[in-house]
Amino acid sequence: MLYSMADRGFAKFAAGDAIRIAQRIKEGDKERIQYFEGDVIAIHRNGMGSTFTVRRIASNGVAVERIFPFNSPKIEGIEFVHKGDVRRAKLYYMRSRIGKAARVKELVLKHKVQEKNTAAA
């Protein structure tokens, strides 16, 4: 039986957000959880066939992109890491960026900054 992401209790996210996905991997007769952390560069909404694409920079500057189905039973959990400051729904231009230019700026919410200032006073 398939459930939506909200029914499974996963975090909501959008393009530009950094997330950590816990996925069940079967190796031989054993199962383990493998984590994949990166920036969401696209969300394709297509009903039960909806997917999202996550990109991260691995060792030696090699970029790795994975496409995850929203309704995959192999996804154990999705953790929200931080909100990205982007103006587009599809971030395919990130593929041509190298080094620091390949990072998504973190969005700092104003009300959280004000809470910290009032707590310090």
PDB file of N, CA and C in Angstrom:
ATOM      1  N   MET A   1       0.836  -1.175   0.000  1.00  0.00           N
ATOM      2  CA  MET A   1       0.000   0.000   0.000  1.00  0.00           C
ATOM      3  C   MET A   1       0.885   1.244   0.000  1.00  0.00           C
ATOM      4  N   LEU A   2       0.559   2.206  -0.810  1.00  0.00           N
ATOM      5  CA  LEU A   2       1.362   3.413  -0.924  1.00  0.00           C
ATOM      6  C   LEU A   2       0.724   4.552  -0.140  1.00  0.00           C
ATOM      7  N   TYR A   3       1.578   5.343   0.491  1.00  0.00           N
ATOM      8  CA  TYR A   3       1.131   6.485   1.269  1.00  0.00           C
ATOM      9  C   TYR A   3       1.831   7.732   0.758  1.00  0.00           C
ATOM     10  N   SER A   4       1.233   8.874   1.018  1.00  0.00           N
ATOM     11  CA  SER A   4       1.904  10.115   0.637  1.00  0.00           C
ATOM     12  C   SER A   4       2.985  10.440   1.654  1.00  0.00           C
ATOM     13  N   MET A   5       3.855  11.406   1.323  1.00  0.00           N
ATOM     14  CA  MET A   5       4.946  11.787   2.218  1.00  0.00           C
ATOM     15  C   MET A   5       4.402  12.322   3.538  1.00  0.00           C
ATOM     16  N   ALA A   6       3.311  13.067   3.487  1.00  0.00           N
ATOM     17  CA  ALA A   6       2.740  13.625   4.714  1.00  0.00           C
ATOM     18  C   ALA A   6       2.195  12.510   5.606  1.00  0.00           C
ATOM     19  N   ASP A   7       1.599  11.487   5.008  1.00  0.00           N
ATOM     20  CA  ASP A   7       1.069  10.367   5.784  1.00  0.00           C
ATOM     21  C   ASP A   7       2.186   9.604   6.485  1.00  0.00           C
ATOM     22  N   ARG A   8       3.365   9.565   5.873  1.00  0.00           N
ATOM     23  CA  ARG A   8       4.490   8.836   6.459  1.00  0.00           C
ATOM     24  C   ARG A   8       5.261   9.687   7.457  1.00  0.00           C
ATOM     25  N   GLY A   9       4.919  10.965   7.601  1.00  0.00           N
ATOM     26  CA  GLY A   9       5.548  11.818   8.605  1.00  0.00           C
ATOM     27  C   GLY A   9       6.892  12.383   8.192  1.00  0.00           C
ATOM     28  N   PHE A  10       7.158  12.487   6.899  1.00  0.00           N
ATOM     29  CA  PHE A  10       8.425  13.040   6.435  1.00  0.00           C
ATOM     30  C   PHE A  10       8.344  14.559   6.398  1.00  0.00           C
ATOM     31  N   ALA A  11       9.501  15.195   6.447  1.00  0.00           N
ATOM     32  CA  ALA A  11       9.572  16.652   6.425  1.00  0.00           C
ATOM     33  C   ALA A  11       9.168  17.188   5.056  1.00  0.00           C
ATOM     34  N   LYS A  12       8.547  18.378   5.051  1.00  0.00           N
ATOM     35  CA  LYS A  12       8.233  19.044   3.792  1.00  0.00           C
ATOM     36  C   LYS A  12       9.476  19.789   3.331  1.00  0.00           C
ATOM     37  N   PHE A  13       9.685  19.823   2.027  1.00  0.00           N
ATOM     38  CA  PHE A  13      10.855  20.502   1.488  1.00  0.00           C
ATOM     39  C   PHE A  13      10.535  21.035   0.105  1.00  0.00           C
ATOM     40  N   ALA A  14      11.396  21.938  -0.368  1.00  0.00           N
ATOM     41  CA  ALA A  14      11.245  22.543  -1.687  1.00  0.00           C
ATOM     42  C   ALA A  14      12.610  22.570  -2.366  1.00  0.00           C
ATOM     43  N   ALA A  15      12.638  23.032  -3.602  1.00  0.00           N
ATOM     44  CA  ALA A  15      13.905  23.137  -4.330  1.00  0.00           C
ATOM     45  C   ALA A  15      14.833  24.100  -3.599  1.00  0.00           C
ATOM     46  N   GLY A  16      16.096  23.715  -3.481  1.00  0.00           N
ATOM     47  CA  GLY A  16      17.080  24.531  -2.785  1.00  0.00           C
ATOM     48  C   GLY A  16      17.321  24.110  -1.353  1.00  0.00           C
ATOM     49  N   ASP A  17      16.411  23.345  -0.779  1.00  0.00           N
ATOM     50  CA  ASP A  17      16.571  22.904   0.605  1.00  0.00           C
ATOM     51  C   ASP A  17      17.587  21.772   0.685  1.00  0.00           C
ATOM     52  N   ALA A  18      18.300  21.726   1.791  1.00  0.00           N
ATOM     53  CA  ALA A  18      19.227  20.619   2.044  1.00  0.00           C
ATOM     54  C   ALA A  18      18.484  19.580   2.876  1.00  0.00           C
ATOM     55  N   ILE A  19      18.513  18.331   2.436  1.00  0.00           N
ATOM     56  CA  ILE A  19      17.820  17.256   3.145  1.00  0.00           C
ATOM     57  C   ILE A  19      18.743  16.048   3.277  1.00  0.00           C
ATOM     58  N   ARG A  20      18.402  15.174   4.209  1.00  0.00           N
ATOM     59  CA  ARG A  20      19.127  13.917   4.416  1.00  0.00           C
ATOM     60  C   ARG A  20      18.104  12.790   4.282  1.00  0.00           C
ATOM     61  N   ILE A  21      18.332  11.888   3.324  1.00  0.00           N
ATOM     62  CA  ILE A  21      17.407  10.788   3.053  1.00  0.00           C
ATOM     63  C   ILE A  21      17.989   9.504   3.608  1.00  0.00           C
ATOM     64  N   ALA A  22      17.191   8.779   4.374  1.00  0.00           N
ATOM     65  CA  ALA A  22      17.580   7.460   4.875  1.00  0.00           C
ATOM     66  C   ALA A  22      16.893   6.429   3.989  1.00  0.00           C
ATOM     67  N   GLN A  23      17.691   5.599   3.323  1.00  0.00           N
ATOM     68  CA  GLN A  23      17.154   4.618   2.386  1.00  0.00           C
ATOM     69  C   GLN A  23      17.627   3.226   2.770  1.00  0.00           C
ATOM     70  N   ARG A  24      16.703   2.257   2.712  1.00  0.00           N
ATOM     71  CA  ARG A  24      17.068   0.868   2.986  1.00  0.00           C
ATOM     72  C   ARG A  24      17.785   0.283   1.780  1.00  0.00           C
ATOM     73  N   ILE A  25      18.943  -0.312   2.036  1.00  0.00           N
ATOM     74  CA  ILE A  25      19.743  -0.946   0.989  1.00  0.00           C
ATOM     75  C   ILE A  25      19.880  -2.419   1.346  1.00  0.00           C
ATOM     76  N   LYS A  26      19.611  -3.294   0.375  1.00  0.00           N
ATOM     77  CA  LYS A  26      19.746  -4.730   0.604  1.00  0.00           C
ATOM     78  C   LYS A  26      21.030  -5.204  -0.053  1.00  0.00           C
ATOM     79  N   GLU A  27      21.924  -5.778   0.763  1.00  0.00           N
ATOM     80  CA  GLU A  27      23.186  -6.325   0.270  1.00  0.00           C
ATOM     81  C   GLU A  27      23.225  -7.800   0.630  1.00  0.00           C
ATOM     82  N   GLY A  28      23.036  -8.629  -0.365  1.00  0.00           N
ATOM     83  CA  GLY A  28      22.965 -10.068  -0.108  1.00  0.00           C
ATOM     84  C   GLY A  28      21.709 -10.385   0.674  1.00  0.00           C
ATOM     85  N   ASP A  29      21.885 -10.965   1.875  1.00  0.00           N
ATOM     86  CA  ASP A  29      20.727 -11.276   2.711  1.00  0.00           C
ATOM     87  C   ASP A  29      20.585 -10.281   3.861  1.00  0.00           C
ATOM     88  N   LYS A  30      21.423  -9.236   3.887  1.00  0.00           N
ATOM     89  CA  LYS A  30      21.366  -8.234   4.951  1.00  0.00           C
ATOM     90  C   LYS A  30      20.759  -6.936   4.435  1.00  0.00           C
ATOM     91  N   GLU A  31      20.140  -6.190   5.342  1.00  0.00           N
ATOM     92  CA  GLU A  31      19.597  -4.876   5.026  1.00  0.00           C
ATOM     93  C   GLU A  31      20.219  -3.852   5.944  1.00  0.00           C
ATOM     94  N   ARG A  32      20.507  -2.671   5.398  1.00  0.00           N
ATOM     95  CA  ARG A  32      21.045  -1.594   6.217  1.00  0.00           C
ATOM     96  C   ARG A  32      20.467  -0.276   5.734  1.00  0.00           C
ATOM     97  N   ILE A  33      20.675   0.779   6.523  1.00  0.00           N
ATOM     98  CA  ILE A  33      20.212   2.113   6.165  1.00  0.00           C
ATOM     99  C   ILE A  33      21.394   2.894   5.598  1.00  0.00           C
ATOM    100  N   GLN A  34      21.200   3.491   4.435  1.00  0.00           N
ATOM    101  CA  GLN A  34      22.226   4.333   3.830  1.00  0.00           C
ATOM    102  C   GLN A  34      21.671   5.752   3.733  1.00  0.00           C
ATOM    103  N   TYR A  35      22.483   6.733   4.160  1.00  0.00           N
ATOM    104  CA  TYR A  35      22.064   8.128   4.146  1.00  0.00           C
ATOM    105  C   TYR A  35      22.645   8.829   2.926  1.00  0.00           C
ATOM    106  N   PHE A  36      21.843   9.707   2.343  1.00  0.00           N
ATOM    107  CA  PHE A  36      22.276  10.526   1.214  1.00  0.00           C
ATOM    108  C   PHE A  36      21.854  11.949   1.524  1.00  0.00           C
ATOM    109  N   GLU A  37      22.828  12.843   1.677  1.00  0.00           N
ATOM    110  CA  GLU A  37      22.537  14.230   2.034  1.00  0.00           C
ATOM    111  C   GLU A  37      22.948  15.140   0.891  1.00  0.00           C
ATOM    112  N   GLY A  38      22.070  16.071   0.536  1.00  0.00           N
ATOM    113  CA  GLY A  38      22.382  17.009  -0.535  1.00  0.00           C
ATOM    114  C   GLY A  38      21.285  18.041  -0.693  1.00  0.00           C
ATOM    115  N   ASP A  39      21.398  18.820  -1.761  1.00  0.00           N
ATOM    116  CA  ASP A  39      20.433  19.875  -2.059  1.00  0.00           C
ATOM    117  C   ASP A  39      19.397  19.358  -3.048  1.00  0.00           C
ATOM    118  N   VAL A  40      18.140  19.709  -2.820  1.00  0.00           N
ATOM    119  CA  VAL A  40      17.068  19.350  -3.748  1.00  0.00           C
ATOM    120  C   VAL A  40      17.178  20.300  -4.933  1.00  0.00           C
ATOM    121  N   ILE A  41      17.378  19.754  -6.134  1.00  0.00           N
ATOM    122  CA  ILE A  41      17.480  20.625  -7.301  1.00  0.00           C
ATOM    123  C   ILE A  41      16.213  20.603  -8.148  1.00  0.00           C
ATOM    124  N   ALA A  42      15.329  19.627  -7.944  1.00  0.00           N
ATOM    125  CA  ALA A  42      14.088  19.586  -8.716  1.00  0.00           C
ATOM    126  C   ALA A  42      13.067  18.700  -8.022  1.00  0.00           C
ATOM    127  N   ILE A  43      11.804  19.058  -8.187  1.00  0.00           N
ATOM    128  CA  ILE A  43      10.692  18.223  -7.744  1.00  0.00           C
ATOM    129  C   ILE A  43       9.759  18.080  -8.939  1.00  0.00           C
ATOM    130  N   HIS A  44       9.476  16.850  -9.322  1.00  0.00           N
ATOM    131  CA  HIS A  44       8.565  16.575 -10.428  1.00  0.00           C
ATOM    132  C   HIS A  44       7.281  16.006  -9.846  1.00  0.00           C
ATOM    133  N   ARG A  45       6.224  16.772  -9.910  1.00  0.00           N
ATOM    134  CA  ARG A  45       4.941  16.349  -9.350  1.00  0.00           C
ATOM    135  C   ARG A  45       4.120  15.699 -10.459  1.00  0.00           C
ATOM    136  N   ASN A  46       3.877  14.397 -10.283  1.00  0.00           N
ATOM    137  CA  ASN A  46       3.175  13.623 -11.295  1.00  0.00           C
ATOM    138  C   ASN A  46       2.315  12.570 -10.611  1.00  0.00           C
ATOM    139  N   GLY A  47       1.543  12.987  -9.626  1.00  0.00           N
ATOM    140  CA  GLY A  47       0.683  12.055  -8.920  1.00  0.00           C
ATOM    141  C   GLY A  47       1.483  11.013  -8.170  1.00  0.00           C
ATOM    142  N   MET A  48       1.144   9.749  -8.364  1.00  0.00           N
ATOM    143  CA  MET A  48       1.848   8.666  -7.679  1.00  0.00           C
ATOM    144  C   MET A  48       3.263   8.481  -8.214  1.00  0.00           C
ATOM    145  N   GLY A  49       3.552   9.016  -9.384  1.00  0.00           N
ATOM    146  CA  GLY A  49       4.879   8.901  -9.967  1.00  0.00           C
ATOM    147  C   GLY A  49       5.779  10.089  -9.670  1.00  0.00           C
ATOM    148  N   SER A  50       5.448  10.884  -8.665  1.00  0.00           N
ATOM    149  CA  SER A  50       6.238  12.071  -8.336  1.00  0.00           C
ATOM    150  C   SER A  50       7.630  11.690  -7.852  1.00  0.00           C
ATOM    151  N   THR A  51       8.620  12.495  -8.254  1.00  0.00           N
ATOM    152  CA  THR A  51      10.004  12.246  -7.864  1.00  0.00           C
ATOM    153  C   THR A  51      10.662  13.554  -7.441  1.00  0.00           C
ATOM    154  N   PHE A  52      11.790  13.432  -6.752  1.00  0.00           N
ATOM    155  CA  PHE A  52      12.610  14.598  -6.442  1.00  0.00           C
ATOM    156  C   PHE A  52      14.066  14.227  -6.672  1.00  0.00           C
ATOM    157  N   THR A  53      14.842  15.203  -7.120  1.00  0.00           N
ATOM    158  CA  THR A  53      16.248  14.996  -7.454  1.00  0.00           C
ATOM    159  C   THR A  53      17.113  15.690  -6.420  1.00  0.00           C
ATOM    160  N   VAL A  54      18.084  14.956  -5.878  1.00  0.00           N
ATOM    161  CA  VAL A  54      18.995  15.484  -4.858  1.00  0.00           C
ATOM    162  C   VAL A  54      20.413  15.411  -5.408  1.00  0.00           C
ATOM    163  N   ARG A  55      21.162  16.494  -5.218  1.00  0.00           N
ATOM    164  CA  ARG A  55      22.540  16.581  -5.724  1.00  0.00           C
ATOM    165  C   ARG A  55      23.479  16.904  -4.574  1.00  0.00           C
ATOM    166  N   ARG A  56      24.613  16.231  -4.562  1.00  0.00           N
ATOM    167  CA  ARG A  56      25.655  16.532  -3.581  1.00  0.00           C
ATOM    168  C   ARG A  56      27.012  16.410  -4.254  1.00  0.00           C
ATOM    169  N   ILE A  57      27.996  17.063  -3.653  1.00  0.00           N
ATOM    170  CA  ILE A  57      29.363  16.981  -4.145  1.00  0.00           C
ATOM    171  C   ILE A  57      30.082  15.948  -3.290  1.00  0.00           C
ATOM    172  N   ALA A  58      30.503  14.858  -3.917  1.00  0.00           N
ATOM    173  CA  ALA A  58      31.175  13.770  -3.201  1.00  0.00           C
ATOM    174  C   ALA A  58      32.678  14.042  -3.167  1.00  0.00           C
ATOM    175  N   SER A  59      33.445  13.029  -2.855  1.00  0.00           N
ATOM    176  CA  SER A  59      34.897  13.184  -2.752  1.00  0.00           C
ATOM    177  C   SER A  59      35.512  13.551  -4.100  1.00  0.00           C
ATOM    178  N   ASN A  60      36.607  14.276  -4.044  1.00  0.00           N
ATOM    179  CA  ASN A  60      37.347  14.739  -5.218  1.00  0.00           C
ATOM    180  C   ASN A  60      36.519  15.642  -6.125  1.00  0.00           C
ATOM    181  N   GLY A  61      35.494  16.284  -5.577  1.00  0.00           N
ATOM    182  CA  GLY A  61      34.694  17.224  -6.350  1.00  0.00           C
ATOM    183  C   GLY A  61      33.763  16.587  -7.357  1.00  0.00           C
ATOM    184  N   VAL A  62      33.522  15.292  -7.239  1.00  0.00           N
ATOM    185  CA  VAL A  62      32.622  14.591  -8.157  1.00  0.00           C
ATOM    186  C   VAL A  62      31.194  14.778  -7.663  1.00  0.00           C
ATOM    187  N   ALA A  63      30.333  15.254  -8.544  1.00  0.00           N
ATOM    188  CA  ALA A  63      28.939  15.475  -8.174  1.00  0.00           C
ATOM    189  C   ALA A  63      28.139  14.192  -8.368  1.00  0.00           C
ATOM    190  N   VAL A  64      27.231  13.934  -7.429  1.00  0.00           N
ATOM    191  CA  VAL A  64      26.366  12.758  -7.491  1.00  0.00           C
ATOM    192  C   VAL A  64      24.927  13.238  -7.402  1.00  0.00           C
ATOM    193  N   GLU A  65      24.105  12.823  -8.353  1.00  0.00           N
ATOM    194  CA  GLU A  65      22.679  13.144  -8.339  1.00  0.00           C
ATOM    195  C   GLU A  65      21.894  11.851  -8.244  1.00  0.00           C
ATOM    196  N   ARG A  66      20.880  11.876  -7.405  1.00  0.00           N
ATOM    197  CA  ARG A  66      20.000  10.706  -7.301  1.00  0.00           C
ATOM    198  C   ARG A  66      18.563  11.172  -7.411  1.00  0.00           C
ATOM    199  N   ILE A  67      17.766  10.373  -8.083  1.00  0.00           N
ATOM    200  CA  ILE A  67      16.343  10.655  -8.234  1.00  0.00           C
ATOM    201  C   ILE A  67      15.593   9.673  -7.350  1.00  0.00           C
ATOM    202  N   PHE A  68      14.798  10.211  -6.429  1.00  0.00           N
ATOM    203  CA  PHE A  68      14.037   9.391  -5.492  1.00  0.00           C
ATOM    204  C   PHE A  68      12.549   9.519  -5.787  1.00  0.00           C
ATOM    205  N   PRO A  69      11.818   8.416  -5.867  1.00  0.00           N
ATOM    206  CA  PRO A  69      10.358   8.492  -5.961  1.00  0.00           C
ATOM    207  C   PRO A  69       9.774   8.881  -4.603  1.00  0.00           C
ATOM    208  N   PHE A  70       8.771   9.746  -4.602  1.00  0.00           N
ATOM    209  CA  PHE A  70       8.135  10.149  -3.352  1.00  0.00           C
ATOM    210  C   PHE A  70       7.542   8.951  -2.621  1.00  0.00           C
ATOM    211  N   ASN A  71       6.973   8.025  -3.375  1.00  0.00           N
ATOM    212  CA  ASN A  71       6.237   6.922  -2.765  1.00  0.00           C
ATOM    213  C   ASN A  71       7.042   5.637  -2.656  1.00  0.00           C
ATOM    214  N   SER A  72       8.359   5.734  -2.626  1.00  0.00           N
ATOM    215  CA  SER A  72       9.189   4.540  -2.527  1.00  0.00           C
ATOM    216  C   SER A  72       9.114   3.942  -1.126  1.00  0.00           C
ATOM    217  N   PRO A  73       8.821   2.647  -1.015  1.00  0.00           N
ATOM    218  CA  PRO A  73       8.807   2.020   0.309  1.00  0.00           C
ATOM    219  C   PRO A  73      10.211   1.853   0.886  1.00  0.00           C
ATOM    220  N   LYS A  74      11.249   2.028   0.068  1.00  0.00           N
ATOM    221  CA  LYS A  74      12.626   1.894   0.549  1.00  0.00           C
ATOM    222  C   LYS A  74      13.101   3.127   1.313  1.00  0.00           C
ATOM    223  N   ILE A  75      12.403   4.249   1.185  1.00  0.00           N
ATOM    224  CA  ILE A  75      12.785   5.459   1.918  1.00  0.00           C
ATOM    225  C   ILE A  75      12.280   5.337   3.350  1.00  0.00           C
ATOM    226  N   GLU A  76      13.223   5.308   4.286  1.00  0.00           N
ATOM    227  CA  GLU A  76      12.892   5.179   5.710  1.00  0.00           C
ATOM    228  C   GLU A  76      12.549   6.522   6.332  1.00  0.00           C
ATOM    229  N   GLY A  77      13.231   7.562   5.900  1.00  0.00           N
ATOM    230  CA  GLY A  77      12.981   8.870   6.484  1.00  0.00           C
ATOM    231  C   GLY A  77      13.656   9.973   5.701  1.00  0.00           C
ATOM    232  N   ILE A  78      13.135  11.183   5.872  1.00  0.00           N
ATOM    233  CA  ILE A  78      13.721  12.367   5.260  1.00  0.00           C
ATOM    234  C   ILE A  78      13.853  13.413   6.350  1.00  0.00           C
ATOM    235  N   GLU A  79      15.091  13.874   6.578  1.00  0.00           N
ATOM    236  CA  GLU A  79      15.352  14.901   7.581  1.00  0.00           C
ATOM    237  C   GLU A  79      15.625  16.216   6.869  1.00  0.00           C
ATOM    238  N   PHE A  80      15.029  17.272   7.367  1.00  0.00           N
ATOM    239  CA  PHE A  80      15.251  18.610   6.846  1.00  0.00           C
ATOM    240  C   PHE A  80      16.507  19.167   7.501  1.00  0.00           C
ATOM    241  N   VAL A  81      17.511  19.583   6.711  1.00  0.00           N
ATOM    242  CA  VAL A  81      18.765  20.101   7.255  1.00  0.00           C
ATOM    243  C   VAL A  81      18.705  21.621   7.358  1.00  0.00           C
ATOM    244  N   HIS A  82      18.497  22.314   6.232  1.00  0.00           N
ATOM    245  CA  HIS A  82      18.295  23.759   6.267  1.00  0.00           C
ATOM    246  C   HIS A  82      17.609  24.232   4.996  1.00  0.00           C
ATOM    247  N   LYS A  83      17.011  25.414   5.087  1.00  0.00           N
ATOM    248  CA  LYS A  83      16.269  26.023   3.984  1.00  0.00           C
ATOM    249  C   LYS A  83      17.237  26.761   3.076  1.00  0.00           C
ATOM    250  N   GLY A  84      17.066  26.608   1.774  1.00  0.00           N
ATOM    251  CA  GLY A  84      17.922  27.289   0.815  1.00  0.00           C
ATOM    252  C   GLY A  84      17.263  28.549   0.282  1.00  0.00           C
ATOM    253  N   ASP A  85      18.077  29.555  -0.033  1.00  0.00           N
ATOM    254  CA  ASP A  85      17.590  30.828  -0.553  1.00  0.00           C
ATOM    255  C   ASP A  85      17.699  30.800  -2.076  1.00  0.00           C
ATOM    256  N   VAL A  86      16.629  30.366  -2.751  1.00  0.00           N
ATOM    257  CA  VAL A  86      16.621  30.264  -4.211  1.00  0.00           C
ATOM    258  C   VAL A  86      15.363  30.921  -4.753  1.00  0.00           C
ATOM    259  N   ARG A  87      15.400  31.246  -6.042  1.00  0.00           N
ATOM    260  CA  ARG A  87      14.264  31.914  -6.680  1.00  0.00           C
ATOM    261  C   ARG A  87      13.662  31.089  -7.809  1.00  0.00           C
ATOM    262  N   ARG A  88      14.115  29.874  -7.969  1.00  0.00           N
ATOM    263  CA  ARG A  88      13.626  29.033  -9.054  1.00  0.00           C
ATOM    264  C   ARG A  88      13.151  27.687  -8.528  1.00  0.00           C
ATOM    265  N   ALA A  89      12.309  27.034  -9.325  1.00  0.00           N
ATOM    266  CA  ALA A  89      11.784  25.733  -8.933  1.00  0.00           C
ATOM    267  C   ALA A  89      12.697  24.599  -9.389  1.00  0.00           C
ATOM    268  N   LYS A  90      13.455  24.820 -10.434  1.00  0.00           N
ATOM    269  CA  LYS A  90      14.393  23.820 -10.943  1.00  0.00           C
ATOM    270  C   LYS A  90      15.787  24.448 -10.951  1.00  0.00           C
ATOM    271  N   LEU A  91      16.725  23.812 -10.294  1.00  0.00           N
ATOM    272  CA  LEU A  91      18.069  24.367 -10.138  1.00  0.00           C
ATOM    273  C   LEU A  91      19.085  23.637 -11.011  1.00  0.00           C
ATOM    274  N   TYR A  92      18.738  23.403 -12.268  1.00  0.00           N
ATOM    275  CA  TYR A  92      19.632  22.675 -13.160  1.00  0.00           C
ATOM    276  C   TYR A  92      20.905  23.453 -13.461  1.00  0.00           C
ATOM    277  N   TYR A  93      20.881  24.771 -13.296  1.00  0.00           N
ATOM    278  CA  TYR A  93      22.075  25.571 -13.537  1.00  0.00           C
ATOM    279  C   TYR A  93      23.188  25.231 -12.548  1.00  0.00           C
ATOM    280  N   MET A  94      22.863  24.576 -11.442  1.00  0.00           N
ATOM    281  CA  MET A  94      23.875  24.193 -10.456  1.00  0.00           C
ATOM    282  C   MET A  94      24.824  23.134 -11.016  1.00  0.00           C
ATOM    283  N   ARG A  95      24.408  22.424 -12.046  1.00  0.00           N
ATOM    284  CA  ARG A  95      25.247  21.376 -12.627  1.00  0.00           C
ATOM    285  C   ARG A  95      26.515  21.945 -13.252  1.00  0.00           C
ATOM    286  N   SER A  96      26.444  23.165 -13.752  1.00  0.00           N
ATOM    287  CA  SER A  96      27.613  23.762 -14.408  1.00  0.00           C
ATOM    288  C   SER A  96      28.481  24.566 -13.443  1.00  0.00           C
ATOM    289  N   ARG A  97      28.078  24.679 -12.186  1.00  0.00           N
ATOM    290  CA  ARG A  97      28.842  25.447 -11.206  1.00  0.00           C
ATOM    291  C   ARG A  97      29.923  24.586 -10.572  1.00  0.00           C
ATOM    292  N   ILE A  98      31.046  25.229 -10.215  1.00  0.00           N
ATOM    293  CA  ILE A  98      32.179  24.523  -9.614  1.00  0.00           C
ATOM    294  C   ILE A  98      32.584  25.237  -8.333  1.00  0.00           C
ATOM    295  N   GLY A  99      33.002  24.488  -7.340  1.00  0.00           N
ATOM    296  CA  GLY A  99      33.528  25.063  -6.101  1.00  0.00           C
ATOM    297  C   GLY A  99      32.466  25.755  -5.267  1.00  0.00           C
ATOM    298  N   LYS A 100      32.801  26.946  -4.762  1.00  0.00           N
ATOM    299  CA  LYS A 100      31.878  27.670  -3.893  1.00  0.00           C
ATOM    300  C   LYS A 100      30.628  28.126  -4.633  1.00  0.00           C
ATOM    301  N   ALA A 101      30.725  28.310  -5.933  1.00  0.00           N
ATOM    302  CA  ALA A 101      29.568  28.730  -6.722  1.00  0.00           C
ATOM    303  C   ALA A 101      28.515  27.632  -6.794  1.00  0.00           C
ATOM    304  N   ALA A 102      28.883  26.402  -6.487  1.00  0.00           N
ATOM    305  CA  ALA A 102      27.955  25.274  -6.562  1.00  0.00           C
ATOM    306  C   ALA A 102      27.145  25.116  -5.280  1.00  0.00           C
ATOM    307  N   ARG A 103      27.302  26.039  -4.339  1.00  0.00           N
ATOM    308  CA  ARG A 103      26.559  25.945  -3.084  1.00  0.00           C
ATOM    309  C   ARG A 103      25.290  26.779  -3.145  1.00  0.00           C
ATOM    310  N   VAL A 104      24.274  26.350  -2.408  1.00  0.00           N
ATOM    311  CA  VAL A 104      23.041  27.109  -2.265  1.00  0.00           C
ATOM    312  C   VAL A 104      23.144  27.893  -0.969  1.00  0.00           C
ATOM    313  N   LYS A 105      22.858  29.189  -1.047  1.00  0.00           N
ATOM    314  CA  LYS A 105      22.936  30.034   0.138  1.00  0.00           C
ATOM    315  C   LYS A 105      21.833  29.642   1.121  1.00  0.00           C
ATOM    316  N   GLU A 106      22.178  29.595   2.397  1.00  0.00           N
ATOM    317  CA  GLU A 106      21.209  29.234   3.425  1.00  0.00           C
ATOM    318  C   GLU A 106      20.325  30.431   3.733  1.00  0.00           C
ATOM    319  N   LEU A 107      19.026  30.204   3.811  1.00  0.00           N
ATOM    320  CA  LEU A 107      18.067  31.257   4.107  1.00  0.00           C
ATOM    321  C   LEU A 107      17.976  31.430   5.612  1.00  0.00           C
ATOM    322  N   VAL A 108      18.226  32.639   6.083  1.00  0.00           N
ATOM    323  CA  VAL A 108      18.120  32.941   7.508  1.00  0.00           C
ATOM    324  C   VAL A 108      16.799  33.658   7.709  1.00  0.00           C
ATOM    325  N   LEU A 109      15.939  33.068   8.516  1.00  0.00           N
ATOM    326  CA  LEU A 109      14.623  33.647   8.749  1.00  0.00           C
ATOM    327  C   LEU A 109      14.722  34.783   9.752  1.00  0.00           C
ATOM    328  N   LYS A 110      14.018  35.891   9.486  1.00  0.00           N
ATOM    329  CA  LYS A 110      14.119  37.080  10.325  1.00  0.00           C
ATOM    330  C   LYS A 110      13.580  36.850  11.726  1.00  0.00           C
ATOM    331  N   HIS A 111      12.485  36.111  11.858  1.00  0.00           N
ATOM    332  CA  HIS A 111      11.907  35.953  13.195  1.00  0.00           C
ATOM    333  C   HIS A 111      12.808  35.130  14.102  1.00  0.00           C
ATOM    334  N   LYS A 112      13.614  34.239  13.561  1.00  0.00           N
ATOM    335  CA  LYS A 112      14.550  33.484  14.396  1.00  0.00           C
ATOM    336  C   LYS A 112      15.678  34.385  14.883  1.00  0.00           C
ATOM    337  N   VAL A 113      16.124  35.320  14.037  1.00  0.00           N
ATOM    338  CA  VAL A 113      17.181  36.253  14.428  1.00  0.00           C
ATOM    339  C   VAL A 113      16.666  37.162  15.533  1.00  0.00           C
ATOM    340  N   GLN A 114      15.422  37.620  15.424  1.00  0.00           N
ATOM    341  CA  GLN A 114      14.842  38.484  16.450  1.00  0.00           C
ATOM    342  C   GLN A 114      14.694  37.740  17.766  1.00  0.00           C
ATOM    343  N   GLU A 115      14.359  36.446  17.717  1.00  0.00           N
ATOM    344  CA  GLU A 115      14.233  35.653  18.943  1.00  0.00           C
ATOM    345  C   GLU A 115      15.573  35.547  19.652  1.00  0.00           C
ATOM    346  N   LYS A 116      16.649  35.370  18.898  1.00  0.00           N
ATOM    347  CA  LYS A 116      17.975  35.276  19.499  1.00  0.00           C
ATOM    348  C   LYS A 116      18.380  36.602  20.134  1.00  0.00           C
ATOM    349  N   ASN A 117      18.035  37.725  19.476  1.00  0.00           N
ATOM    350  CA  ASN A 117      18.389  39.040  20.007  1.00  0.00           C
ATOM    351  C   ASN A 117      17.637  39.342  21.301  1.00  0.00           C
ATOM    352  N   THR A 118      16.378  38.964  21.376  1.00  0.00           N
ATOM    353  CA  THR A 118      15.606  39.228  22.594  1.00  0.00           C
ATOM    354  C   THR A 118      16.045  38.309  23.726  1.00  0.00           C
ATOM    355  N   ALA A 119      16.502  37.113  23.409  1.00  0.00           N
ATOM    356  CA  ALA A 119      16.964  36.187  24.443  1.00  0.00           C
ATOM    357  C   ALA A 119      18.287  36.658  25.038  1.00  0.00           C
ATOM    358  N   ALA A 120      19.130  37.292  24.221  1.00  0.00           N
ATOM    359  CA  ALA A 120      20.430  37.768  24.697  1.00  0.00           C
ATOM    360  C   ALA A 120      20.290  39.017  25.560  1.00  0.00           C
ATOM    361  N   ALA A 121      19.238  39.808  25.341  1.00  0.00           N
ATOM    362  CA  ALA A 121      19.065  41.067  26.087  1.00  0.00           C
ATOM    363  C   ALA A 121      18.571  40.852  27.494  1.00  0.00           C
TER     364      ALA A 121
END
